[in-house]
């Protein structure tokens, strides 16, 4: 991911290494990274789907993989070339109305 100078990146549910990298980034650059361990609830997911449907927020998908392509997906992510999300689909999405068809279509069309 490329962050503009003085940009701010917010992430939830991160591991130890990203939290350490966050601390280092804050000290040596003008970029801000905010991390927080979050608990995700059904209400949170419903709100997220509503925001996606209303186009208040936008998804950014670089590549999508089917469950049987798990190994290939990991190989791609491990190359370090991943810039945005690369979801893994185990079943068709059905919660978000407008984006469902787009995400499923992207899952069919995108390859590494």
C-alpha atoms as a PDB file:
ATOM      1  CA  UNK A   1       0.000   0.000   0.000  1.00  0.00           C
ATOM      2  CA  UNK A   2       1.257   3.464  -0.839  1.00  0.00           C
ATOM      3  CA  UNK A   3       0.403   6.186   1.645  1.00  0.00           C
ATOM      4  CA  UNK A   4       0.633   9.870   0.720  1.00  0.00           C
ATOM      5  CA  UNK A   5       2.891  12.141   2.759  1.00  0.00           C
ATOM      6  CA  UNK A   6       1.023  13.189   5.903  1.00  0.00           C
ATOM      7  CA  UNK A   7      -1.509  10.450   5.100  1.00  0.00           C
ATOM      8  CA  UNK A   8      -3.243   8.323   7.701  1.00  0.00           C
ATOM      9  CA  UNK A   9      -3.892   4.572   7.486  1.00  0.00           C
ATOM     10  CA  UNK A  10      -6.327   2.978   9.931  1.00  0.00           C
ATOM     11  CA  UNK A  11      -6.292  -0.777  10.498  1.00  0.00           C
ATOM     12  CA  UNK A  12      -8.069  -3.091  12.912  1.00  0.00           C
ATOM     13  CA  UNK A  13      -7.260  -6.609  14.091  1.00  0.00           C
ATOM     14  CA  UNK A  14      -3.563  -6.429  13.384  1.00  0.00           C
ATOM     15  CA  UNK A  15      -0.849  -8.719  14.668  1.00  0.00           C
ATOM     16  CA  UNK A  16       2.283  -7.975  16.646  1.00  0.00           C
ATOM     17  CA  UNK A  17       4.565  -7.229  13.680  1.00  0.00           C
ATOM     18  CA  UNK A  18       2.228  -4.628  12.095  1.00  0.00           C
ATOM     19  CA  UNK A  19       1.895  -2.937  15.490  1.00  0.00           C
ATOM     20  CA  UNK A  20       5.695  -2.756  15.828  1.00  0.00           C
ATOM     21  CA  UNK A  21       6.012  -1.480  12.259  1.00  0.00           C
ATOM     22  CA  UNK A  22       3.399   1.154  13.122  1.00  0.00           C
ATOM     23  CA  UNK A  23       5.459   2.389  16.052  1.00  0.00           C
ATOM     24  CA  UNK A  24       8.573   2.602  13.873  1.00  0.00           C
ATOM     25  CA  UNK A  25       6.712   4.340  11.023  1.00  0.00           C
ATOM     26  CA  UNK A  26       5.388   7.017  13.366  1.00  0.00           C
ATOM     27  CA  UNK A  27       8.863   7.793  14.646  1.00  0.00           C
ATOM     28  CA  UNK A  28      10.739   7.992  11.337  1.00  0.00           C
ATOM     29  CA  UNK A  29       8.184   9.446   8.856  1.00  0.00           C
ATOM     30  CA  UNK A  30       5.447  12.061   8.685  1.00  0.00           C
ATOM     31  CA  UNK A  31       2.892   9.293   8.045  1.00  0.00           C
ATOM     32  CA  UNK A  32       0.454   8.183  10.693  1.00  0.00           C
ATOM     33  CA  UNK A  33      -0.688   4.628  11.131  1.00  0.00           C
ATOM     34  CA  UNK A  34      -3.400   3.826  13.648  1.00  0.00           C
ATOM     35  CA  UNK A  35      -3.939   0.253  14.787  1.00  0.00           C
ATOM     36  CA  UNK A  36      -6.470  -1.148  17.166  1.00  0.00           C
ATOM     37  CA  UNK A  37      -7.529  -4.618  18.174  1.00  0.00           C
ATOM     38  CA  UNK A  38     -11.202  -4.662  17.339  1.00  0.00           C
ATOM     39  CA  UNK A  39     -14.082  -6.983  18.027  1.00  0.00           C
ATOM     40  CA  UNK A  40     -16.354  -7.443  15.026  1.00  0.00           C
ATOM     41  CA  UNK A  41     -20.077  -7.869  15.647  1.00  0.00           C
ATOM     42  CA  UNK A  42     -23.004  -8.648  13.372  1.00  0.00           C
ATOM     43  CA  UNK A  43     -24.162  -5.036  13.738  1.00  0.00           C
ATOM     44  CA  UNK A  44     -20.720  -3.833  12.595  1.00  0.00           C
ATOM     45  CA  UNK A  45     -20.915  -6.018   9.487  1.00  0.00           C
ATOM     46  CA  UNK A  46     -24.444  -4.802   8.730  1.00  0.00           C
ATOM     47  CA  UNK A  47     -23.273  -1.194   9.038  1.00  0.00           C
ATOM     48  CA  UNK A  48     -20.333  -1.936   6.772  1.00  0.00           C
ATOM     49  CA  UNK A  49     -22.619  -3.504   4.143  1.00  0.00           C
ATOM     50  CA  UNK A  50     -24.934  -0.493   4.351  1.00  0.00           C
ATOM     51  CA  UNK A  51     -22.006   1.882   3.813  1.00  0.00           C
ATOM     52  CA  UNK A  52     -20.829  -0.145   0.820  1.00  0.00           C
ATOM     53  CA  UNK A  53     -24.354  -0.190  -0.651  1.00  0.00           C
ATOM     54  CA  UNK A  54     -24.663   3.596  -0.176  1.00  0.00           C
ATOM     55  CA  UNK A  55     -21.165   4.068  -1.650  1.00  0.00           C
ATOM     56  CA  UNK A  56     -20.086   5.884   1.510  1.00  0.00           C
ATOM     57  CA  UNK A  57     -17.007   3.672   1.438  1.00  0.00           C
ATOM     58  CA  UNK A  58     -15.510   1.792  -1.454  1.00  0.00           C
ATOM     59  CA  UNK A  59     -13.864  -1.599  -1.699  1.00  0.00           C
ATOM     60  CA  UNK A  60     -10.530  -1.972  -3.428  1.00  0.00           C
ATOM     61  CA  UNK A  61      -9.745  -5.464  -4.689  1.00  0.00           C
ATOM     62  CA  UNK A  62      -6.551  -6.289  -6.535  1.00  0.00           C
ATOM     63  CA  UNK A  63      -7.121 -10.011  -7.008  1.00  0.00           C
ATOM     64  CA  UNK A  64      -9.648 -12.559  -5.808  1.00  0.00           C
ATOM     65  CA  UNK A  65      -9.230 -16.281  -5.340  1.00  0.00           C
ATOM     66  CA  UNK A  66     -11.532 -19.250  -4.942  1.00  0.00           C
ATOM     67  CA  UNK A  67     -11.085 -21.487  -1.908  1.00  0.00           C
ATOM     68  CA  UNK A  68      -9.414 -24.169  -4.000  1.00  0.00           C
ATOM     69  CA  UNK A  69      -6.815 -21.555  -5.057  1.00  0.00           C
ATOM     70  CA  UNK A  70      -5.685 -20.954  -1.472  1.00  0.00           C
ATOM     71  CA  UNK A  71      -2.066 -21.986  -2.108  1.00  0.00           C
ATOM     72  CA  UNK A  72      -1.812 -19.707  -5.150  1.00  0.00           C
ATOM     73  CA  UNK A  73      -3.323 -16.830  -3.140  1.00  0.00           C
ATOM     74  CA  UNK A  74      -0.756 -17.268  -0.363  1.00  0.00           C
ATOM     75  CA  UNK A  75       2.083 -17.381  -2.884  1.00  0.00           C
ATOM     76  CA  UNK A  76       0.913 -14.105  -4.402  1.00  0.00           C
ATOM     77  CA  UNK A  77       0.548 -12.363  -1.048  1.00  0.00           C
ATOM     78  CA  UNK A  78       3.946 -13.671   0.097  1.00  0.00           C
ATOM     79  CA  UNK A  79       5.661 -12.044  -2.913  1.00  0.00           C
ATOM     80  CA  UNK A  80       5.114  -8.668  -1.241  1.00  0.00           C
ATOM     81  CA  UNK A  81       3.537  -7.230  -4.401  1.00  0.00           C
ATOM     82  CA  UNK A  82       0.035  -7.086  -2.899  1.00  0.00           C
ATOM     83  CA  UNK A  83      -1.085  -3.457  -2.600  1.00  0.00           C
ATOM     84  CA  UNK A  84      -4.757  -3.811  -1.643  1.00  0.00           C
ATOM     85  CA  UNK A  85      -7.129  -6.585  -0.613  1.00  0.00           C
ATOM     86  CA  UNK A  86      -7.065 -10.074  -2.113  1.00  0.00           C
ATOM     87  CA  UNK A  87     -10.166 -11.841  -0.771  1.00  0.00           C
ATOM     88  CA  UNK A  88     -10.646 -15.585  -0.698  1.00  0.00           C
ATOM     89  CA  UNK A  89     -14.155 -16.708  -1.653  1.00  0.00           C
ATOM     90  CA  UNK A  90     -15.489 -19.911  -0.127  1.00  0.00           C
ATOM     91  CA  UNK A  91     -19.100 -19.211  -1.132  1.00  0.00           C
ATOM     92  CA  UNK A  92     -20.948 -16.449  -2.999  1.00  0.00           C
ATOM     93  CA  UNK A  93     -21.396 -13.272  -0.995  1.00  0.00           C
ATOM     94  CA  UNK A  94     -25.014 -12.529  -0.212  1.00  0.00           C
ATOM     95  CA  UNK A  95     -25.131  -9.792   2.415  1.00  0.00           C
ATOM     96  CA  UNK A  96     -24.266  -6.646   0.471  1.00  0.00           C
ATOM     97  CA  UNK A  97     -26.783  -6.010  -2.303  1.00  0.00           C
ATOM     98  CA  UNK A  98     -24.999  -3.798  -4.831  1.00  0.00           C
ATOM     99  CA  UNK A  99     -21.461  -4.993  -4.300  1.00  0.00           C
ATOM    100  CA  UNK A 100     -22.306  -8.697  -4.214  1.00  0.00           C
ATOM    101  CA  UNK A 101     -22.502  -9.095  -7.955  1.00  0.00           C
ATOM    102  CA  UNK A 102     -19.432  -6.905  -8.449  1.00  0.00           C
ATOM    103  CA  UNK A 103     -17.357  -8.848  -5.922  1.00  0.00           C
ATOM    104  CA  UNK A 104     -18.449 -12.199  -7.299  1.00  0.00           C
ATOM    105  CA  UNK A 105     -17.705 -10.988 -10.823  1.00  0.00           C
ATOM    106  CA  UNK A 106     -14.270  -9.802  -9.706  1.00  0.00           C
ATOM    107  CA  UNK A 107     -13.677 -13.169  -8.069  1.00  0.00           C
ATOM    108  CA  UNK A 108     -14.389 -14.814 -11.418  1.00  0.00           C
ATOM    109  CA  UNK A 109     -12.365 -12.350 -13.518  1.00  0.00           C
ATOM    110  CA  UNK A 110      -9.313 -11.514 -11.428  1.00  0.00           C
ATOM    111  CA  UNK A 111      -6.314 -13.757 -11.455  1.00  0.00           C
ATOM    112  CA  UNK A 112      -2.824 -13.161 -10.201  1.00  0.00           C
END
